[in-house]
């Protein structure tokens, strides 16, 4: 079995009026990738809070995010998809300005690969149990 690597990731909980901002990959089924919150990998030397803001912008196509607070860090073993332990830095973000209920977005990956297409939307906080791969693990801290 391959040795597991540790990667640093960020997850973003963007909450508005009791709803959480999520997205789905439009080129894959729910069974393959589920519903996710914005997030991704830290770049070398990047501050986790800066990475959270960057990932939220890249995946949603929106601007106007600000960090409210860091909720904590958790580790998640994503095997067997990848033999990787993700050290997840989880942030609560605010979003300033109006947004539609649903919209199309895409992540361009700095032009290094084909864009990934998303559909962004809002779900009630009481429904966060539908998030894939343990992404809802610290949602309860939003109420602290």
Protein backbone atom coordinates (compact mmCIF):
# COMPACT_ATOMS: atom_id res chain seq x y z
CA UNK A 1 0.00 0.00 0.00
CA UNK A 2 1.37 3.47 -0.83
CA UNK A 3 2.57 5.67 2.01
CA UNK A 4 0.15 8.45 2.85
CA UNK A 5 1.23 12.04 2.33
CA UNK A 6 0.01 14.96 4.41
CA UNK A 7 -1.39 17.93 2.50
CA UNK A 8 -2.55 21.26 3.89
CA UNK A 9 -6.04 22.26 2.76
CA UNK A 10 -8.57 24.96 3.56
CA UNK A 11 -12.35 24.72 3.81
CA UNK A 12 -14.65 27.74 3.75
CA UNK A 13 -17.98 28.02 5.55
CA UNK A 14 -19.76 30.98 3.99
CA UNK A 15 -23.03 31.52 5.86
CA UNK A 16 -25.82 33.93 5.03
CA UNK A 17 -29.31 34.02 6.55
CA UNK A 18 -28.99 30.52 8.00
CA UNK A 19 -27.74 28.98 4.75
CA UNK A 20 -24.34 27.63 3.70
CA UNK A 21 -22.70 28.28 0.33
CA UNK A 22 -21.95 24.99 -1.46
CA UNK A 23 -21.28 23.74 -4.96
CA UNK A 24 -21.46 20.62 -7.07
CA UNK A 25 -19.31 19.57 -10.02
CA UNK A 26 -21.51 19.73 -13.11
CA UNK A 27 -19.40 17.21 -15.04
CA UNK A 28 -19.67 14.48 -12.38
CA UNK A 29 -22.53 12.81 -10.54
CA UNK A 30 -23.39 13.36 -6.89
CA UNK A 31 -22.35 9.74 -6.29
CA UNK A 32 -18.83 10.53 -7.48
CA UNK A 33 -18.11 13.89 -5.85
CA UNK A 34 -21.04 14.92 -3.64
CA UNK A 35 -21.79 18.44 -2.51
CA UNK A 36 -18.84 20.50 -1.30
CA UNK A 37 -17.92 23.80 0.31
CA UNK A 38 -15.29 26.02 -1.31
CA UNK A 39 -11.78 24.95 -0.46
CA UNK A 40 -8.52 23.59 -1.76
CA UNK A 41 -4.79 23.32 -1.34
CA UNK A 42 -2.47 25.84 0.22
CA UNK A 43 0.27 27.05 -2.09
CA UNK A 44 3.86 26.95 -0.78
CA UNK A 45 4.33 29.68 1.83
CA UNK A 46 0.69 30.79 1.62
CA UNK A 47 -1.12 31.82 4.80
CA UNK A 48 -4.19 29.60 5.38
CA UNK A 49 -6.54 32.61 5.71
CA UNK A 50 -5.29 33.99 2.38
CA UNK A 51 -5.73 30.55 0.80
CA UNK A 52 -9.33 30.41 2.06
CA UNK A 53 -10.13 33.76 0.45
CA UNK A 54 -8.42 32.76 -2.81
CA UNK A 55 -10.18 29.40 -3.01
CA UNK A 56 -13.59 30.93 -2.28
CA UNK A 57 -13.07 33.45 -5.12
CA UNK A 58 -11.70 30.86 -7.55
CA UNK A 59 -14.47 28.31 -7.05
CA UNK A 60 -17.47 30.63 -6.84
CA UNK A 61 -16.44 33.43 -9.19
CA UNK A 62 -17.48 35.93 -6.50
CA UNK A 63 -15.51 38.67 -4.79
CA UNK A 64 -16.29 40.40 -1.53
CA UNK A 65 -15.22 37.66 0.88
CA UNK A 66 -13.66 38.41 4.24
CA UNK A 67 -12.44 36.14 7.02
CA UNK A 68 -14.68 36.15 10.09
CA UNK A 69 -12.61 33.65 12.08
CA UNK A 70 -10.70 30.40 11.96
CA UNK A 71 -12.88 27.63 13.37
CA UNK A 72 -10.09 25.09 13.80
CA UNK A 73 -8.03 22.37 12.17
CA UNK A 74 -8.85 18.73 11.60
CA UNK A 75 -7.20 15.82 9.82
CA UNK A 76 -9.12 13.73 7.31
CA UNK A 77 -7.84 10.56 5.66
CA UNK A 78 -9.17 10.66 2.10
CA UNK A 79 -7.95 7.13 1.21
CA UNK A 80 -8.59 5.24 -1.01
CA UNK A 81 -9.40 8.11 -3.41
CA UNK A 82 -5.87 9.36 -2.80
CA UNK A 83 -3.53 7.98 -0.17
CA UNK A 84 -3.49 11.32 1.57
CA UNK A 85 -4.20 12.79 4.96
CA UNK A 86 -5.61 16.27 4.61
CA UNK A 87 -4.81 18.75 7.35
CA UNK A 88 -7.81 21.02 6.95
CA UNK A 89 -7.79 24.63 8.14
CA UNK A 90 -11.46 25.59 8.42
CA UNK A 91 -12.63 29.19 8.21
CA UNK A 92 -15.89 31.07 8.54
CA UNK A 93 -16.10 33.66 5.76
CA UNK A 94 -18.50 36.54 5.21
CA UNK A 95 -19.69 37.46 1.73
CA UNK A 96 -20.57 41.08 1.07
CA UNK A 97 -23.00 41.99 -1.70
CA UNK A 98 -25.89 40.16 -3.29
CA UNK A 99 -25.78 36.77 -4.97
CA UNK A 100 -28.28 34.72 -6.92
CA UNK A 101 -29.79 31.57 -5.43
CA UNK A 102 -27.87 29.44 -7.99
CA UNK A 103 -25.16 30.28 -10.50
CA UNK A 104 -22.58 28.64 -12.73
CA UNK A 105 -18.90 29.06 -12.00
CA UNK A 106 -15.63 27.43 -12.94
CA UNK A 107 -12.13 27.09 -11.57
CA UNK A 108 -9.48 27.81 -14.18
CA UNK A 109 -6.52 26.21 -12.34
CA UNK A 110 -4.20 29.06 -13.35
CA UNK A 111 -4.53 27.82 -16.96
CA UNK A 112 -2.56 24.65 -16.17
CA UNK A 113 -5.44 22.26 -16.91
CA UNK A 114 -8.96 22.28 -18.28
CA UNK A 115 -11.41 24.35 -16.21
CA UNK A 116 -13.58 22.57 -13.66
CA UNK A 117 -17.23 23.57 -13.92
CA UNK A 118 -19.42 24.11 -10.86
CA UNK A 119 -22.96 25.00 -9.91
CA UNK A 120 -23.00 27.10 -6.73
CA UNK A 121 -26.03 27.35 -4.45
CA UNK A 122 -27.16 27.75 -0.84
CA UNK A 123 -28.41 25.00 1.48
CA UNK A 124 -29.97 25.34 4.95
CA UNK A 125 -27.46 24.86 7.77
CA UNK A 126 -29.62 22.02 9.11
CA UNK A 127 -28.81 20.11 5.87
CA UNK A 128 -24.99 20.21 6.12
CA UNK A 129 -24.94 16.47 6.77
CA UNK A 130 -25.03 16.07 2.95
CA UNK A 131 -21.50 17.44 2.54
CA UNK A 132 -18.95 14.99 1.18
CA UNK A 133 -15.82 13.70 2.88
CA UNK A 134 -16.38 15.10 6.33
CA UNK A 135 -16.49 18.70 5.14
CA UNK A 136 -19.17 19.61 7.69
CA UNK A 137 -17.12 18.50 10.67
CA UNK A 138 -16.83 21.94 12.32
CA UNK A 139 -20.14 23.51 11.29
CA UNK A 140 -21.30 23.27 14.91
CA UNK A 141 -18.63 25.83 15.87
CA UNK A 142 -20.53 28.44 13.86
CA UNK A 143 -22.93 28.53 16.82
CA UNK A 144 -20.24 29.07 19.50
